[in-house]
């Protein structure tokens, strides 16, 4: 018999808020390193990801 984990609604909402903050911060940092008018792409994410993860976690 498998025991299913129980996650409260508040925990789910807080996790969603944290992920929203993380995504917004990532986009903001990507915009800072992108050239004027340049479209954001995977290379921008690769540049900011190590420091972003250190800052958030």
PDB file of N, CA and C in Angstrom:
ATOM      1  N   UNK A   1       0.843  -1.181   0.000  1.00  0.00           N
ATOM      2  CA  UNK A   1       0.000   0.000   0.000  1.00  0.00           C
ATOM      3  C   UNK A   1       0.888   1.244   0.000  1.00  0.00           C
ATOM      4  N   UNK A   2       0.647   2.102  -0.969  1.00  0.00           N
ATOM      5  CA  UNK A   2       1.411   3.336  -1.079  1.00  0.00           C
ATOM      6  C   UNK A   2       0.790   4.416  -0.208  1.00  0.00           C
ATOM      7  N   UNK A   3       1.647   5.172   0.459  1.00  0.00           N
ATOM      8  CA  UNK A   3       1.177   6.314   1.239  1.00  0.00           C
ATOM      9  C   UNK A   3       1.321   7.558   0.368  1.00  0.00           C
ATOM     10  N   UNK A   4       0.222   8.226   0.137  1.00  0.00           N
ATOM     11  CA  UNK A   4       0.226   9.432  -0.676  1.00  0.00           C
ATOM     12  C   UNK A   4       0.589  10.636   0.195  1.00  0.00           C
ATOM     13  N   UNK A   5       1.529  11.455  -0.266  1.00  0.00           N
ATOM     14  CA  UNK A   5       1.863  12.656   0.505  1.00  0.00           C
ATOM     15  C   UNK A   5       0.699  13.643   0.482  1.00  0.00           C
ATOM     16  N   UNK A   6       0.531  14.330   1.573  1.00  0.00           N
ATOM     17  CA  UNK A   6      -0.524  15.335   1.672  1.00  0.00           C
ATOM     18  C   UNK A   6       0.145  16.703   1.729  1.00  0.00           C
ATOM     19  N   UNK A   7      -0.219  17.549   0.793  1.00  0.00           N
ATOM     20  CA  UNK A   7       0.343  18.895   0.735  1.00  0.00           C
ATOM     21  C   UNK A   7      -0.800  19.878   0.931  1.00  0.00           C
ATOM     22  N   UNK A   8      -0.635  20.758   1.896  1.00  0.00           N
ATOM     23  CA  UNK A   8      -1.713  21.702   2.187  1.00  0.00           C
ATOM     24  C   UNK A   8      -1.838  22.736   1.064  1.00  0.00           C
ATOM     25  N   UNK A   9      -2.999  23.322   0.985  1.00  0.00           N
ATOM     26  CA  UNK A   9      -3.255  24.337  -0.034  1.00  0.00           C
ATOM     27  C   UNK A   9      -2.339  25.537   0.167  1.00  0.00           C
ATOM     28  N   UNK A  10      -2.092  25.911   1.419  1.00  0.00           N
ATOM     29  CA  UNK A  10      -1.193  27.033   1.706  1.00  0.00           C
ATOM     30  C   UNK A  10       0.220  26.758   1.195  1.00  0.00           C
ATOM     31  N   UNK A  11       0.682  25.531   1.356  1.00  0.00           N
ATOM     32  CA  UNK A  11       2.016  25.164   0.871  1.00  0.00           C
ATOM     33  C   UNK A  11       2.099  25.274  -0.645  1.00  0.00           C
ATOM     34  N   UNK A  12       1.057  24.863  -1.303  1.00  0.00           N
ATOM     35  CA  UNK A  12       1.028  24.950  -2.765  1.00  0.00           C
ATOM     36  C   UNK A  12       1.038  26.411  -3.205  1.00  0.00           C
ATOM     37  N   UNK A  13       0.258  27.249  -2.544  1.00  0.00           N
ATOM     38  CA  UNK A  13       0.213  28.669  -2.895  1.00  0.00           C
ATOM     39  C   UNK A  13       1.557  29.348  -2.659  1.00  0.00           C
ATOM     40  N   UNK A  14       2.214  29.030  -1.554  1.00  0.00           N
ATOM     41  CA  UNK A  14       3.524  29.619  -1.266  1.00  0.00           C
ATOM     42  C   UNK A  14       4.577  29.152  -2.266  1.00  0.00           C
ATOM     43  N   UNK A  15       4.502  27.902  -2.654  1.00  0.00           N
ATOM     44  CA  UNK A  15       5.434  27.381  -3.651  1.00  0.00           C
ATOM     45  C   UNK A  15       5.223  28.076  -4.993  1.00  0.00           C
ATOM     46  N   UNK A  16       3.982  28.296  -5.358  1.00  0.00           N
ATOM     47  CA  UNK A  16       3.677  29.012  -6.601  1.00  0.00           C
ATOM     48  C   UNK A  16       4.203  30.443  -6.548  1.00  0.00           C
ATOM     49  N   UNK A  17       4.058  31.105  -5.406  1.00  0.00           N
ATOM     50  CA  UNK A  17       4.578  32.463  -5.242  1.00  0.00           C
ATOM     51  C   UNK A  17       6.100  32.489  -5.379  1.00  0.00           C
ATOM     52  N   UNK A  18       6.773  31.512  -4.782  1.00  0.00           N
ATOM     53  CA  UNK A  18       8.225  31.436  -4.874  1.00  0.00           C
ATOM     54  C   UNK A  18       8.669  31.230  -6.322  1.00  0.00           C
ATOM     55  N   UNK A  19       8.001  30.332  -7.028  1.00  0.00           N
ATOM     56  CA  UNK A  19       8.343  30.095  -8.436  1.00  0.00           C
ATOM     57  C   UNK A  19       8.075  31.329  -9.293  1.00  0.00           C
ATOM     58  N   UNK A  20       7.012  32.052  -8.986  1.00  0.00           N
ATOM     59  CA  UNK A  20       6.705  33.278  -9.707  1.00  0.00           C
ATOM     60  C   UNK A  20       7.820  34.303  -9.504  1.00  0.00           C
ATOM     61  N   UNK A  21       8.285  34.449  -8.271  1.00  0.00           N
ATOM     62  CA  UNK A  21       9.392  35.366  -7.978  1.00  0.00           C
ATOM     63  C   UNK A  21      10.662  34.940  -8.699  1.00  0.00           C
ATOM     64  N   UNK A  22      10.935  33.655  -8.699  1.00  0.00           N
ATOM     65  CA  UNK A  22      12.130  33.127  -9.357  1.00  0.00           C
ATOM     66  C   UNK A  22      12.098  33.410 -10.859  1.00  0.00           C
ATOM     67  N   UNK A  23      10.970  33.179 -11.484  1.00  0.00           N
ATOM     68  CA  UNK A  23      10.841  33.405 -12.921  1.00  0.00           C
ATOM     69  C   UNK A  23      10.954  34.892 -13.254  1.00  0.00           C
ATOM     70  N   UNK A  24      10.294  35.740 -12.465  1.00  0.00           N
ATOM     71  CA  UNK A  24      10.378  37.182 -12.703  1.00  0.00           C
ATOM     72  C   UNK A  24      11.807  37.687 -12.545  1.00  0.00           C
ATOM     73  N   UNK A  25      12.513  37.201 -11.537  1.00  0.00           N
ATOM     74  CA  UNK A  25      13.904  37.600 -11.324  1.00  0.00           C
ATOM     75  C   UNK A  25      14.782  37.118 -12.476  1.00  0.00           C
ATOM     76  N   UNK A  26      14.552  35.910 -12.948  1.00  0.00           N
ATOM     77  CA  UNK A  26      15.326  35.382 -14.075  1.00  0.00           C
ATOM     78  C   UNK A  26      15.122  36.244 -15.319  1.00  0.00           C
ATOM     79  N   UNK A  27      13.895  36.593 -15.605  1.00  0.00           N
ATOM     80  CA  UNK A  27      13.608  37.427 -16.777  1.00  0.00           C
ATOM     81  C   UNK A  27      14.249  38.799 -16.629  1.00  0.00           C
ATOM     82  N   UNK A  28      14.181  39.363 -15.440  1.00  0.00           N
ATOM     83  CA  UNK A  28      14.794  40.664 -15.186  1.00  0.00           C
ATOM     84  C   UNK A  28      16.304  40.618 -15.409  1.00  0.00           C
ATOM     85  N   UNK A  29      16.956  39.592 -14.902  1.00  0.00           N
ATOM     86  CA  UNK A  29      18.410  39.459 -15.074  1.00  0.00           C
ATOM     87  C   UNK A  29      18.774  39.208 -16.531  1.00  0.00           C
ATOM     88  N   UNK A  30      17.944  38.457 -17.226  1.00  0.00           N
ATOM     89  CA  UNK A  30      18.204  38.207 -18.643  1.00  0.00           C
ATOM     90  C   UNK A  30      18.104  39.502 -19.443  1.00  0.00           C
ATOM     91  N   UNK A  31      17.138  40.357 -19.098  1.00  0.00           N
ATOM     92  CA  UNK A  31      16.997  41.644 -19.774  1.00  0.00           C
ATOM     93  C   UNK A  31      18.212  42.525 -19.518  1.00  0.00           C
ATOM     94  N   UNK A  32      18.781  42.446 -18.327  1.00  0.00           N
ATOM     95  CA  UNK A  32      19.938  43.274 -17.992  1.00  0.00           C
ATOM     96  C   UNK A  32      21.150  42.934 -18.853  1.00  0.00           C
ATOM     97  N   UNK A  33      21.321  41.666 -19.219  1.00  0.00           N
ATOM     98  CA  UNK A  33      22.497  41.298 -20.008  1.00  0.00           C
ATOM     99  C   UNK A  33      22.236  41.291 -21.512  1.00  0.00           C
ATOM    100  N   UNK A  34      20.984  41.359 -21.912  1.00  0.00           N
ATOM    101  CA  UNK A  34      20.655  41.374 -23.344  1.00  0.00           C
ATOM    102  C   UNK A  34      21.011  42.742 -23.925  1.00  0.00           C
ATOM    103  N   UNK A  35      21.426  42.730 -25.170  1.00  0.00           N
ATOM    104  CA  UNK A  35      21.718  43.985 -25.863  1.00  0.00           C
ATOM    105  C   UNK A  35      20.405  44.720 -26.121  1.00  0.00           C
ATOM    106  N   UNK A  36      20.506  45.997 -26.438  1.00  0.00           N
ATOM    107  CA  UNK A  36      19.317  46.813 -26.696  1.00  0.00           C
ATOM    108  C   UNK A  36      18.433  46.174 -27.761  1.00  0.00           C
ATOM    109  N   UNK A  37      17.222  45.867 -27.385  1.00  0.00           N
ATOM    110  CA  UNK A  37      16.251  45.325 -28.319  1.00  0.00           C
ATOM    111  C   UNK A  37      16.462  43.877 -28.707  1.00  0.00           C
ATOM    112  N   UNK A  38      17.502  43.262 -28.163  1.00  0.00           N
ATOM    113  CA  UNK A  38      17.773  41.862 -28.498  1.00  0.00           C
ATOM    114  C   UNK A  38      16.733  40.961 -27.846  1.00  0.00           C
ATOM    115  N   UNK A  39      16.298  39.961 -28.586  1.00  0.00           N
ATOM    116  CA  UNK A  39      15.352  38.989 -28.044  1.00  0.00           C
ATOM    117  C   UNK A  39      16.041  38.097 -27.024  1.00  0.00           C
ATOM    118  N   UNK A  40      15.330  37.755 -25.962  1.00  0.00           N
ATOM    119  CA  UNK A  40      15.895  36.851 -24.964  1.00  0.00           C
ATOM    120  C   UNK A  40      15.932  35.440 -25.526  1.00  0.00           C
ATOM    121  N   UNK A  41      17.024  34.726 -25.225  1.00  0.00           N
ATOM    122  CA  UNK A  41      17.132  33.353 -25.696  1.00  0.00           C
ATOM    123  C   UNK A  41      17.831  32.508 -24.637  1.00  0.00           C
ATOM    124  N   UNK A  42      18.063  31.274 -24.971  1.00  0.00           N
ATOM    125  CA  UNK A  42      18.633  30.323 -24.026  1.00  0.00           C
ATOM    126  C   UNK A  42      20.020  30.734 -23.542  1.00  0.00           C
ATOM    127  N   UNK A  43      20.800  31.386 -24.383  1.00  0.00           N
ATOM    128  CA  UNK A  43      22.147  31.793 -23.968  1.00  0.00           C
ATOM    129  C   UNK A  43      22.096  32.800 -22.818  1.00  0.00           C
ATOM    130  N   UNK A  44      21.077  33.653 -22.804  1.00  0.00           N
ATOM    131  CA  UNK A  44      20.934  34.597 -21.694  1.00  0.00           C
ATOM    132  C   UNK A  44      20.629  33.849 -20.391  1.00  0.00           C
ATOM    133  N   UNK A  45      19.764  32.861 -20.481  1.00  0.00           N
ATOM    134  CA  UNK A  45      19.434  32.061 -19.303  1.00  0.00           C
ATOM    135  C   UNK A  45      20.667  31.322 -18.789  1.00  0.00           C
ATOM    136  N   UNK A  46      21.451  30.778 -19.703  1.00  0.00           N
ATOM    137  CA  UNK A  46      22.656  30.050 -19.303  1.00  0.00           C
ATOM    138  C   UNK A  46      23.649  30.947 -18.579  1.00  0.00           C
ATOM    139  N   UNK A  47      23.683  32.222 -18.934  1.00  0.00           N
ATOM    140  CA  UNK A  47      24.613  33.159 -18.297  1.00  0.00           C
ATOM    141  C   UNK A  47      24.182  33.528 -16.880  1.00  0.00           C
ATOM    142  N   UNK A  48      22.892  33.646 -16.647  1.00  0.00           N
ATOM    143  CA  UNK A  48      22.420  34.121 -15.335  1.00  0.00           C
ATOM    144  C   UNK A  48      22.070  32.996 -14.372  1.00  0.00           C
ATOM    145  N   UNK A  49      21.878  31.795 -14.883  1.00  0.00           N
ATOM    146  CA  UNK A  49      21.363  30.697 -14.063  1.00  0.00           C
ATOM    147  C   UNK A  49      22.228  30.332 -12.850  1.00  0.00           C
ATOM    148  N   UNK A  50      23.555  30.206 -12.980  1.00  0.00           N
ATOM    149  CA  UNK A  50      24.340  29.817 -11.791  1.00  0.00           C
ATOM    150  C   UNK A  50      24.167  30.779 -10.614  1.00  0.00           C
ATOM    151  N   UNK A  51      24.277  32.084 -10.874  1.00  0.00           N
ATOM    152  CA  UNK A  51      24.144  33.051  -9.785  1.00  0.00           C
ATOM    153  C   UNK A  51      22.708  33.114  -9.270  1.00  0.00           C
ATOM    154  N   UNK A  52      21.747  32.981 -10.154  1.00  0.00           N
ATOM    155  CA  UNK A  52      20.341  32.992  -9.743  1.00  0.00           C
ATOM    156  C   UNK A  52      20.054  31.860  -8.764  1.00  0.00           C
ATOM    157  N   UNK A  53      20.538  30.671  -9.077  1.00  0.00           N
ATOM    158  CA  UNK A  53      20.319  29.527  -8.186  1.00  0.00           C
ATOM    159  C   UNK A  53      21.018  29.724  -6.849  1.00  0.00           C
ATOM    160  N   UNK A  54      22.213  30.300  -6.858  1.00  0.00           N
ATOM    161  CA  UNK A  54      22.908  30.575  -5.599  1.00  0.00           C
ATOM    162  C   UNK A  54      22.149  31.605  -4.770  1.00  0.00           C
ATOM    163  N   UNK A  55      21.590  32.618  -5.424  1.00  0.00           N
ATOM    164  CA  UNK A  55      20.860  33.665  -4.706  1.00  0.00           C
ATOM    165  C   UNK A  55      19.541  33.162  -4.125  1.00  0.00           C
ATOM    166  N   UNK A  56      18.867  32.283  -4.843  1.00  0.00           N
ATOM    167  CA  UNK A  56      17.551  31.831  -4.401  1.00  0.00           C
ATOM    168  C   UNK A  56      17.594  30.640  -3.469  1.00  0.00           C
ATOM    169  N   UNK A  57      18.586  29.783  -3.644  1.00  0.00           N
ATOM    170  CA  UNK A  57      18.607  28.565  -2.857  1.00  0.00           C
ATOM    171  C   UNK A  57      19.909  28.493  -2.135  1.00  0.00           C
TER     172      UNK A  57
END
